[in-house]
Amino acid sequence: MIFYLHGFDATSPGNHDKMRQLQFIDADVRLLSYSAMHPKLDMQQLLNDIARQLAVEPNANALFIGVGLGGYWAERLAFLVGGCSVMINPNLWPERTMQGQIDRAEEYQDIATKCVTDFRAKNQRRSLVILSRKDECLDVAAIETCLNPYYDIHFDEEQSHKFSHLAPWLAQIKAFYHAM
């Protein structure tokens, strides 16, 4: 079972394309949607939605995939429910990088500080990170420095922040998913 988390631009047609591409890995791909404006409420709602969906299929191997802000959520949600994640150009610090775009930036910081202490050390090797060298929105060097001690990091040389084409990465994502 794959849970897909969109980035800040929830209405981008690229989200549907990515979900269709992910069906080559697992036929069961589900969208987890959030508002991006109310992170504390989003966190609780996302956890409730996941719990309901996993209750129907308790033996499902859950993979959380997120692009941009969706990567922020994918890492945390996977950790909290015992799944694994693929973060593509994750926005690790939305409270800083999205000033003026989101209403409650401080809530992202609050979520980060209320998560389990050193959760990345406890989540080591349970996430695959794909970063675009041509990301026009985020500092991928800072993201690499932050995540490199914990996760395998790979670079895409062609794509931008929105990461339109998952196809070149599907085999690697599938191998990671099935190894978990």
N, C-alpha and C. Protein backbone atom coordinates (compact mmCIF):
# COMPACT_ATOMS: atom_id res chain seq x y z
N MET A 1 0.85 -1.17 0.00
CA MET A 1 0.00 0.00 0.00
C MET A 1 0.89 1.23 0.00
N ILE A 2 0.65 2.12 -0.95
CA ILE A 2 1.42 3.35 -1.05
C ILE A 2 0.51 4.52 -0.72
N PHE A 3 0.99 5.38 0.16
CA PHE A 3 0.32 6.63 0.49
C PHE A 3 1.10 7.75 -0.17
N TYR A 4 0.43 8.52 -1.04
CA TYR A 4 1.08 9.63 -1.74
C TYR A 4 0.65 10.94 -1.10
N LEU A 5 1.64 11.77 -0.77
CA LEU A 5 1.38 13.09 -0.19
C LEU A 5 1.84 14.16 -1.16
N HIS A 6 0.92 14.97 -1.63
CA HIS A 6 1.23 16.04 -2.58
C HIS A 6 2.10 17.10 -1.91
N GLY A 7 2.67 17.95 -2.71
CA GLY A 7 3.41 19.08 -2.20
C GLY A 7 2.47 20.24 -1.89
N PHE A 8 3.03 21.42 -1.73
CA PHE A 8 2.23 22.60 -1.39
C PHE A 8 1.16 22.87 -2.45
N ASP A 9 1.47 22.61 -3.70
CA ASP A 9 0.54 22.83 -4.81
C ASP A 9 -0.34 21.58 -4.97
N ALA A 10 -1.34 21.48 -4.15
CA ALA A 10 -2.18 20.28 -4.11
C ALA A 10 -2.97 20.05 -5.40
N THR A 11 -3.20 21.09 -6.17
CA THR A 11 -4.05 20.95 -7.35
C THR A 11 -3.26 20.71 -8.64
N SER A 12 -1.97 20.54 -8.53
CA SER A 12 -1.15 20.31 -9.72
C SER A 12 -1.56 19.01 -10.41
N PRO A 13 -1.74 19.04 -11.74
CA PRO A 13 -2.08 17.80 -12.46
C PRO A 13 -0.98 16.75 -12.36
N GLY A 14 0.23 17.18 -12.02
CA GLY A 14 1.34 16.24 -11.86
C GLY A 14 1.11 15.25 -10.73
N ASN A 15 0.30 15.60 -9.76
CA ASN A 15 0.02 14.67 -8.65
C ASN A 15 -0.68 13.41 -9.16
N HIS A 16 -1.66 13.58 -10.03
CA HIS A 16 -2.37 12.43 -10.58
C HIS A 16 -1.42 11.56 -11.40
N ASP A 17 -0.56 12.20 -12.18
CA ASP A 17 0.41 11.45 -12.98
C ASP A 17 1.35 10.64 -12.09
N LYS A 18 1.82 11.24 -11.01
CA LYS A 18 2.71 10.53 -10.09
C LYS A 18 2.00 9.33 -9.47
N MET A 19 0.75 9.51 -9.10
CA MET A 19 0.00 8.40 -8.50
C MET A 19 -0.18 7.27 -9.51
N ARG A 20 -0.44 7.60 -10.75
CA ARG A 20 -0.56 6.57 -11.79
C ARG A 20 0.76 5.84 -11.98
N GLN A 21 1.86 6.56 -11.98
CA GLN A 21 3.17 5.94 -12.14
C GLN A 21 3.47 5.00 -10.96
N LEU A 22 3.07 5.39 -9.77
CA LEU A 22 3.33 4.57 -8.58
C LEU A 22 2.57 3.25 -8.62
N GLN A 23 1.52 3.16 -9.43
CA GLN A 23 0.78 1.90 -9.54
C GLN A 23 1.62 0.80 -10.19
N PHE A 24 2.74 1.15 -10.80
CA PHE A 24 3.66 0.13 -11.32
C PHE A 24 4.40 -0.57 -10.18
N ILE A 25 4.42 0.06 -9.02
CA ILE A 25 5.07 -0.52 -7.84
C ILE A 25 4.06 -1.31 -7.02
N ASP A 26 2.89 -0.72 -6.82
CA ASP A 26 1.82 -1.35 -6.04
C ASP A 26 0.50 -0.82 -6.59
N ALA A 27 -0.42 -1.69 -6.88
CA ALA A 27 -1.71 -1.27 -7.44
C ALA A 27 -2.52 -0.41 -6.46
N ASP A 28 -2.22 -0.53 -5.18
CA ASP A 28 -2.96 0.18 -4.14
C ASP A 28 -2.23 1.48 -3.76
N VAL A 29 -2.55 2.56 -4.49
CA VAL A 29 -1.96 3.87 -4.23
C VAL A 29 -3.07 4.79 -3.74
N ARG A 30 -2.85 5.40 -2.59
CA ARG A 30 -3.88 6.26 -1.98
C ARG A 30 -3.34 7.66 -1.75
N LEU A 31 -4.17 8.64 -2.00
CA LEU A 31 -3.80 10.03 -1.78
C LEU A 31 -4.10 10.40 -0.34
N LEU A 32 -3.13 11.00 0.32
CA LEU A 32 -3.34 11.61 1.62
C LEU A 32 -3.28 13.11 1.40
N SER A 33 -4.40 13.76 1.58
CA SER A 33 -4.48 15.18 1.30
C SER A 33 -4.50 15.98 2.60
N TYR A 34 -3.93 17.16 2.54
CA TYR A 34 -3.87 18.05 3.70
C TYR A 34 -3.99 19.47 3.19
N SER A 35 -4.26 20.41 4.08
CA SER A 35 -4.51 21.78 3.65
C SER A 35 -3.25 22.60 3.46
N ALA A 36 -2.18 22.28 4.13
CA ALA A 36 -0.92 23.02 4.14
C ALA A 36 -1.04 24.35 4.90
N MET A 37 -2.20 24.67 5.39
CA MET A 37 -2.40 25.92 6.12
C MET A 37 -2.55 25.70 7.62
N HIS A 38 -2.94 24.51 8.02
CA HIS A 38 -3.19 24.22 9.43
C HIS A 38 -2.46 22.95 9.84
N PRO A 39 -1.14 23.02 9.98
CA PRO A 39 -0.35 21.80 10.19
C PRO A 39 -0.75 20.95 11.39
N LYS A 40 -1.06 21.56 12.52
CA LYS A 40 -1.42 20.75 13.70
C LYS A 40 -2.69 19.95 13.44
N LEU A 41 -3.68 20.59 12.84
CA LEU A 41 -4.91 19.88 12.50
C LEU A 41 -4.65 18.85 11.41
N ASP A 42 -3.82 19.21 10.45
CA ASP A 42 -3.46 18.27 9.37
C ASP A 42 -2.81 17.02 9.94
N MET A 43 -1.89 17.20 10.88
CA MET A 43 -1.17 16.06 11.46
C MET A 43 -2.15 15.08 12.09
N GLN A 44 -3.07 15.59 12.89
CA GLN A 44 -4.04 14.71 13.54
C GLN A 44 -4.97 14.05 12.53
N GLN A 45 -5.42 14.83 11.55
CA GLN A 45 -6.32 14.28 10.53
C GLN A 45 -5.61 13.21 9.70
N LEU A 46 -4.37 13.47 9.30
CA LEU A 46 -3.61 12.49 8.52
C LEU A 46 -3.41 11.20 9.31
N LEU A 47 -3.05 11.31 10.57
CA LEU A 47 -2.86 10.11 11.39
C LEU A 47 -4.17 9.34 11.53
N ASN A 48 -5.29 10.04 11.71
CA ASN A 48 -6.59 9.36 11.80
C ASN A 48 -6.94 8.66 10.49
N ASP A 49 -6.71 9.33 9.35
CA ASP A 49 -6.99 8.74 8.04
C ASP A 49 -6.15 7.48 7.83
N ILE A 50 -4.88 7.56 8.16
CA ILE A 50 -3.98 6.41 8.00
C ILE A 50 -4.43 5.26 8.89
N ALA A 51 -4.76 5.55 10.13
CA ALA A 51 -5.20 4.49 11.06
C ALA A 51 -6.44 3.79 10.52
N ARG A 52 -7.40 4.54 9.97
CA ARG A 52 -8.61 3.94 9.40
C ARG A 52 -8.28 3.04 8.22
N GLN A 53 -7.39 3.53 7.36
CA GLN A 53 -7.04 2.75 6.16
C GLN A 53 -6.22 1.51 6.50
N LEU A 54 -5.33 1.63 7.46
CA LEU A 54 -4.53 0.48 7.85
C LEU A 54 -5.35 -0.53 8.65
N ALA A 55 -6.39 -0.09 9.32
CA ALA A 55 -7.26 -1.00 10.08
C ALA A 55 -7.97 -1.97 9.14
N VAL A 56 -8.27 -1.52 7.94
CA VAL A 56 -8.93 -2.36 6.95
C VAL A 56 -7.96 -3.42 6.42
N GLU A 57 -6.69 -3.05 6.31
CA GLU A 57 -5.65 -3.96 5.82
C GLU A 57 -4.48 -3.96 6.81
N PRO A 58 -4.65 -4.60 7.96
CA PRO A 58 -3.63 -4.50 9.02
C PRO A 58 -2.27 -5.09 8.66
N ASN A 59 -2.20 -5.96 7.69
CA ASN A 59 -0.91 -6.55 7.31
C ASN A 59 -0.25 -5.83 6.15
N ALA A 60 -0.79 -4.71 5.76
CA ALA A 60 -0.24 -3.97 4.62
C ALA A 60 1.12 -3.37 4.97
N ASN A 61 2.02 -3.43 4.01
CA ASN A 61 3.33 -2.80 4.13
C ASN A 61 3.15 -1.38 3.61
N ALA A 62 3.21 -0.38 4.48
CA ALA A 62 2.91 0.99 4.10
C ALA A 62 4.16 1.75 3.67
N LEU A 63 4.09 2.32 2.46
CA LEU A 63 5.13 3.19 1.94
C LEU A 63 4.52 4.57 1.76
N PHE A 64 5.17 5.58 2.31
CA PHE A 64 4.72 6.95 2.21
C PHE A 64 5.66 7.69 1.26
N ILE A 65 5.09 8.29 0.22
CA ILE A 65 5.89 9.02 -0.75
C ILE A 65 5.38 10.45 -0.80
N GLY A 66 6.31 11.39 -0.67
CA GLY A 66 5.93 12.80 -0.72
C GLY A 66 6.95 13.62 -1.46
N VAL A 67 6.46 14.64 -2.16
CA VAL A 67 7.29 15.57 -2.90
C VAL A 67 7.18 16.94 -2.23
N GLY A 68 8.30 17.60 -1.99
CA GLY A 68 8.31 18.92 -1.40
C GLY A 68 7.75 18.88 0.02
N LEU A 69 6.71 19.65 0.27
CA LEU A 69 6.09 19.65 1.59
C LEU A 69 5.52 18.27 1.91
N GLY A 70 5.10 17.53 0.90
CA GLY A 70 4.65 16.15 1.11
C GLY A 70 5.76 15.27 1.66
N GLY A 71 7.01 15.57 1.32
CA GLY A 71 8.15 14.84 1.87
C GLY A 71 8.31 15.07 3.36
N TYR A 72 8.04 16.30 3.80
CA TYR A 72 8.03 16.62 5.24
C TYR A 72 7.07 15.69 5.97
N TRP A 73 5.85 15.58 5.42
CA TRP A 73 4.83 14.74 6.04
C TRP A 73 5.15 13.26 5.91
N ALA A 74 5.64 12.84 4.75
CA ALA A 74 5.90 11.41 4.52
C ALA A 74 6.89 10.85 5.54
N GLU A 75 7.95 11.58 5.80
CA GLU A 75 8.95 11.10 6.76
C GLU A 75 8.36 10.93 8.15
N ARG A 76 7.63 11.92 8.62
CA ARG A 76 7.09 11.88 9.98
C ARG A 76 5.97 10.84 10.12
N LEU A 77 5.07 10.82 9.16
CA LEU A 77 3.96 9.88 9.25
C LEU A 77 4.45 8.44 9.17
N ALA A 78 5.36 8.16 8.27
CA ALA A 78 5.91 6.80 8.16
C ALA A 78 6.54 6.39 9.48
N PHE A 79 7.30 7.28 10.07
CA PHE A 79 7.93 6.97 11.35
C PHE A 79 6.88 6.67 12.42
N LEU A 80 5.86 7.50 12.50
CA LEU A 80 4.85 7.36 13.56
C LEU A 80 4.00 6.11 13.42
N VAL A 81 3.81 5.62 12.19
CA VAL A 81 2.96 4.42 12.01
C VAL A 81 3.78 3.17 11.68
N GLY A 82 5.10 3.29 11.67
CA GLY A 82 5.94 2.12 11.43
C GLY A 82 6.11 1.74 9.97
N GLY A 83 5.91 2.69 9.09
CA GLY A 83 6.11 2.43 7.66
C GLY A 83 7.49 2.92 7.22
N CYS A 84 7.68 2.99 5.93
CA CYS A 84 8.91 3.55 5.38
C CYS A 84 8.51 4.67 4.42
N SER A 85 9.49 5.48 4.04
CA SER A 85 9.14 6.64 3.22
C SER A 85 10.14 6.88 2.11
N VAL A 86 9.64 7.55 1.08
CA VAL A 86 10.47 8.09 0.01
C VAL A 86 10.19 9.59 0.01
N MET A 87 11.24 10.36 0.24
CA MET A 87 11.12 11.81 0.25
C MET A 87 11.79 12.35 -1.00
N ILE A 88 11.02 13.08 -1.79
CA ILE A 88 11.54 13.68 -3.01
C ILE A 88 11.57 15.20 -2.81
N ASN A 89 12.76 15.75 -2.86
CA ASN A 89 12.94 17.19 -2.61
C ASN A 89 12.15 17.64 -1.38
N PRO A 90 12.39 16.98 -0.23
CA PRO A 90 11.57 17.30 0.95
C PRO A 90 11.83 18.70 1.48
N ASN A 91 10.77 19.37 1.82
CA ASN A 91 10.85 20.69 2.45
C ASN A 91 10.95 20.46 3.95
N LEU A 92 12.16 20.35 4.45
CA LEU A 92 12.38 19.99 5.85
C LEU A 92 12.09 21.12 6.82
N TRP A 93 12.14 22.36 6.34
CA TRP A 93 11.97 23.51 7.23
C TRP A 93 10.92 24.47 6.68
N PRO A 94 9.67 24.03 6.55
CA PRO A 94 8.65 24.92 5.97
C PRO A 94 8.43 26.19 6.78
N GLU A 95 8.72 26.14 8.08
CA GLU A 95 8.56 27.34 8.90
C GLU A 95 9.50 28.46 8.45
N ARG A 96 10.60 28.09 7.77
CA ARG A 96 11.54 29.09 7.24
C ARG A 96 11.36 29.31 5.74
N THR A 97 11.21 28.21 5.00
CA THR A 97 11.21 28.30 3.54
C THR A 97 9.88 28.75 2.95
N MET A 98 8.82 28.72 3.75
CA MET A 98 7.50 29.06 3.20
C MET A 98 6.88 30.28 3.88
N GLN A 99 7.71 31.12 4.46
CA GLN A 99 7.21 32.35 5.07
C GLN A 99 6.42 33.13 4.02
N GLY A 100 5.24 33.58 4.38
CA GLY A 100 4.39 34.33 3.46
C GLY A 100 3.49 33.46 2.59
N GLN A 101 3.77 32.15 2.55
CA GLN A 101 2.93 31.24 1.76
C GLN A 101 1.96 30.46 2.64
N ILE A 102 2.32 30.27 3.89
CA ILE A 102 1.47 29.51 4.81
C ILE A 102 1.11 30.40 6.00
N ASP A 103 -0.06 30.18 6.56
CA ASP A 103 -0.57 31.02 7.64
C ASP A 103 0.11 30.76 8.98
N ARG A 104 0.35 29.52 9.29
CA ARG A 104 0.83 29.15 10.63
C ARG A 104 2.19 28.44 10.55
N ALA A 105 3.16 29.15 10.06
CA ALA A 105 4.50 28.57 9.90
C ALA A 105 5.04 28.03 11.22
N GLU A 106 4.73 28.72 12.32
CA GLU A 106 5.24 28.30 13.63
C GLU A 106 4.72 26.92 14.04
N GLU A 107 3.59 26.49 13.48
CA GLU A 107 3.07 25.16 13.82
C GLU A 107 3.95 24.05 13.25
N TYR A 108 4.60 24.30 12.12
CA TYR A 108 5.54 23.31 11.58
C TYR A 108 6.72 23.15 12.53
N GLN A 109 7.21 24.25 13.06
CA GLN A 109 8.31 24.19 14.04
C GLN A 109 7.84 23.44 15.29
N ASP A 110 6.63 23.70 15.71
CA ASP A 110 6.08 23.03 16.89
C ASP A 110 5.97 21.52 16.67
N ILE A 111 5.53 21.12 15.49
CA ILE A 111 5.46 19.68 15.15
C ILE A 111 6.85 19.08 15.18
N ALA A 112 7.81 19.77 14.63
CA ALA A 112 9.18 19.26 14.58
C ALA A 112 9.75 19.06 15.98
N THR A 113 9.44 19.97 16.89
CA THR A 113 9.99 19.85 18.24
C THR A 113 9.20 18.88 19.10
N LYS A 114 7.97 18.57 18.72
CA LYS A 114 7.17 17.63 19.50
C LYS A 114 7.29 16.20 19.01
N CYS A 115 7.93 16.00 17.87
CA CYS A 115 8.14 14.65 17.39
C CYS A 115 9.13 13.97 18.33
N VAL A 116 9.22 12.68 18.25
CA VAL A 116 10.11 11.92 19.12
C VAL A 116 11.53 12.48 19.02
N THR A 117 12.19 12.61 20.15
CA THR A 117 13.56 13.11 20.17
C THR A 117 14.45 12.22 19.30
N ASP A 118 15.24 12.85 18.47
CA ASP A 118 16.16 12.14 17.58
C ASP A 118 15.45 11.08 16.74
N PHE A 119 14.27 11.41 16.24
CA PHE A 119 13.51 10.41 15.50
C PHE A 119 14.24 9.91 14.27
N ARG A 120 15.06 10.73 13.67
CA ARG A 120 15.78 10.26 12.48
C ARG A 120 16.78 9.16 12.83
N ALA A 121 17.42 9.26 13.96
CA ALA A 121 18.34 8.20 14.39
C ALA A 121 17.57 6.90 14.62
N LYS A 122 16.35 7.01 15.13
CA LYS A 122 15.52 5.83 15.38
C LYS A 122 14.90 5.31 14.09
N ASN A 123 14.87 6.14 13.07
CA ASN A 123 14.25 5.80 11.79
C ASN A 123 15.31 5.48 10.72
N GLN A 124 16.53 5.36 11.15
CA GLN A 124 17.66 5.19 10.23
C GLN A 124 17.40 4.11 9.19
N ARG A 125 17.72 4.45 7.93
CA ARG A 125 17.62 3.56 6.77
C ARG A 125 16.19 3.20 6.39
N ARG A 126 15.19 3.86 6.97
CA ARG A 126 13.79 3.57 6.64
C ARG A 126 13.22 4.62 5.69
N SER A 127 14.11 5.42 5.11
CA SER A 127 13.67 6.40 4.13
C SER A 127 14.68 6.48 3.00
N LEU A 128 14.16 6.65 1.81
CA LEU A 128 14.96 6.87 0.62
C LEU A 128 14.75 8.33 0.23
N VAL A 129 15.82 9.03 -0.05
CA VAL A 129 15.74 10.46 -0.37
C VAL A 129 16.24 10.67 -1.80
N ILE A 130 15.42 11.39 -2.58
CA ILE A 130 15.80 11.74 -3.94
C ILE A 130 15.77 13.27 -4.03
N LEU A 131 16.90 13.85 -4.39
CA LEU A 131 17.02 15.30 -4.49
C LEU A 131 17.35 15.71 -5.92
N SER A 132 16.74 16.79 -6.36
CA SER A 132 17.01 17.34 -7.69
C SER A 132 18.13 18.35 -7.60
N ARG A 133 19.16 18.14 -8.36
CA ARG A 133 20.25 19.12 -8.38
C ARG A 133 19.77 20.47 -8.93
N LYS A 134 18.70 20.45 -9.73
CA LYS A 134 18.15 21.67 -10.32
C LYS A 134 16.94 22.20 -9.55
N ASP A 135 16.82 21.84 -8.26
CA ASP A 135 15.71 22.33 -7.44
C ASP A 135 15.83 23.84 -7.30
N GLU A 136 14.83 24.54 -7.79
CA GLU A 136 14.84 26.00 -7.76
C GLU A 136 14.22 26.57 -6.49
N CYS A 137 13.68 25.72 -5.61
CA CYS A 137 12.99 26.19 -4.41
C CYS A 137 13.76 25.95 -3.11
N LEU A 138 14.52 24.87 -3.04
CA LEU A 138 15.14 24.47 -1.78
C LEU A 138 16.66 24.37 -1.91
N ASP A 139 17.32 24.46 -0.78
CA ASP A 139 18.76 24.30 -0.69
C ASP A 139 19.06 22.81 -0.51
N VAL A 140 19.29 22.10 -1.62
CA VAL A 140 19.47 20.65 -1.55
C VAL A 140 20.76 20.27 -0.81
N ALA A 141 21.75 21.14 -0.82
CA ALA A 141 22.98 20.85 -0.06
C ALA A 141 22.68 20.80 1.43
N ALA A 142 21.87 21.72 1.92
CA ALA A 142 21.50 21.72 3.34
C ALA A 142 20.65 20.49 3.68
N ILE A 143 19.76 20.10 2.77
CA ILE A 143 18.94 18.91 2.99
C ILE A 143 19.83 17.67 3.03
N GLU A 144 20.77 17.60 2.09
CA GLU A 144 21.69 16.45 2.06
C GLU A 144 22.49 16.38 3.36
N THR A 145 23.01 17.50 3.82
CA THR A 145 23.78 17.53 5.06
C THR A 145 22.95 17.06 6.24
N CYS A 146 21.69 17.48 6.29
CA CYS A 146 20.80 17.11 7.39
C CYS A 146 20.46 15.62 7.38
N LEU A 147 20.16 15.08 6.21
CA LEU A 147 19.63 13.72 6.12
C LEU A 147 20.67 12.64 5.86
N ASN A 148 21.83 13.02 5.35
CA ASN A 148 22.85 12.03 4.98
C ASN A 148 23.26 11.08 6.10
N PRO A 149 23.33 11.49 7.34
CA PRO A 149 23.71 10.53 8.38
C PRO A 149 22.68 9.42 8.61
N TYR A 150 21.47 9.61 8.11
CA TYR A 150 20.38 8.69 8.45
C TYR A 150 19.85 7.87 7.27
N TYR A 151 19.84 8.48 6.09
CA TYR A 151 19.16 7.87 4.95
C TYR A 151 20.06 7.83 3.71
N ASP A 152 19.71 6.93 2.79
CA ASP A 152 20.38 6.90 1.49
C ASP A 152 19.86 8.05 0.65
N ILE A 153 20.77 8.80 0.08
CA ILE A 153 20.40 9.97 -0.72
C ILE A 153 20.89 9.77 -2.15
N HIS A 154 20.00 10.07 -3.09
CA HIS A 154 20.31 9.96 -4.51
C HIS A 154 19.95 11.28 -5.18
N PHE A 155 20.67 11.59 -6.24
CA PHE A 155 20.44 12.85 -6.95
C PHE A 155 19.92 12.61 -8.35
N ASP A 156 18.95 13.42 -8.72
CA ASP A 156 18.45 13.46 -10.09
C ASP A 156 19.09 14.69 -10.73
N GLU A 157 19.65 14.50 -11.90
CA GLU A 157 20.40 15.57 -12.56
C GLU A 157 19.54 16.44 -13.47
N GLU A 158 18.30 16.03 -13.73
CA GLU A 158 17.50 16.71 -14.76
C GLU A 158 16.29 17.47 -14.24
N GLN A 159 15.65 16.98 -13.20
CA GLN A 159 14.33 17.50 -12.83
C GLN A 159 14.39 18.69 -11.88
N SER A 160 13.29 19.42 -11.87
CA SER A 160 13.15 20.58 -11.00
C SER A 160 12.49 20.15 -9.68
N HIS A 161 12.12 21.13 -8.88
CA HIS A 161 11.54 20.85 -7.57
C HIS A 161 10.30 19.97 -7.63
N LYS A 162 9.41 20.24 -8.56
CA LYS A 162 8.14 19.48 -8.63
C LYS A 162 8.33 18.03 -9.04
N PHE A 163 9.45 17.69 -9.60
CA PHE A 163 9.82 16.32 -9.93
C PHE A 163 8.71 15.63 -10.73
N SER A 164 8.54 16.06 -11.96
CA SER A 164 7.44 15.60 -12.80
C SER A 164 7.48 14.13 -13.18
N HIS A 165 8.66 13.56 -13.31
CA HIS A 165 8.76 12.20 -13.85
C HIS A 165 9.35 11.23 -12.83
N LEU A 166 8.50 10.39 -12.30
CA LEU A 166 8.96 9.35 -11.37
C LEU A 166 9.52 8.14 -12.11
N ALA A 167 9.15 7.96 -13.37
CA ALA A 167 9.49 6.75 -14.12
C ALA A 167 10.95 6.33 -14.00
N PRO A 168 11.92 7.26 -14.12
CA PRO A 168 13.31 6.81 -14.02
C PRO A 168 13.68 6.26 -12.64
N TRP A 169 12.87 6.53 -11.66
CA TRP A 169 13.16 6.13 -10.28
C TRP A 169 12.29 4.99 -9.77
N LEU A 170 11.32 4.55 -10.57
CA LEU A 170 10.38 3.53 -10.10
C LEU A 170 11.06 2.22 -9.69
N ALA A 171 12.03 1.76 -10.44
CA ALA A 171 12.70 0.50 -10.10
C ALA A 171 13.42 0.63 -8.76
N GLN A 172 14.06 1.76 -8.53
CA GLN A 172 14.77 1.95 -7.26
C GLN A 172 13.79 2.09 -6.10
N ILE A 173 12.70 2.79 -6.31
CA ILE A 173 11.68 2.93 -5.27
C ILE A 173 11.08 1.57 -4.96
N LYS A 174 10.80 0.78 -5.99
CA LYS A 174 10.22 -0.54 -5.80
C LYS A 174 11.18 -1.46 -5.03
N ALA A 175 12.46 -1.43 -5.36
CA ALA A 175 13.44 -2.26 -4.64
C ALA A 175 13.51 -1.86 -3.18
N PHE A 176 13.49 -0.55 -2.91
CA PHE A 176 13.51 -0.06 -1.52
C PHE A 176 12.27 -0.54 -0.78
N TYR A 177 11.11 -0.38 -1.40
CA TYR A 177 9.82 -0.75 -0.80
C TYR A 177 9.80 -2.25 -0.46
N HIS A 178 10.23 -3.07 -1.38
CA HIS A 178 10.18 -4.51 -1.15
C HIS A 178 11.25 -5.01 -0.20
N ALA A 179 12.29 -4.21 0.01
CA ALA A 179 13.33 -4.58 0.97
C ALA A 179 12.91 -4.28 2.41
N MET A 180 11.91 -3.44 2.59
CA MET A 180 11.47 -3.06 3.94
C MET A 180 10.60 -4.13 4.57
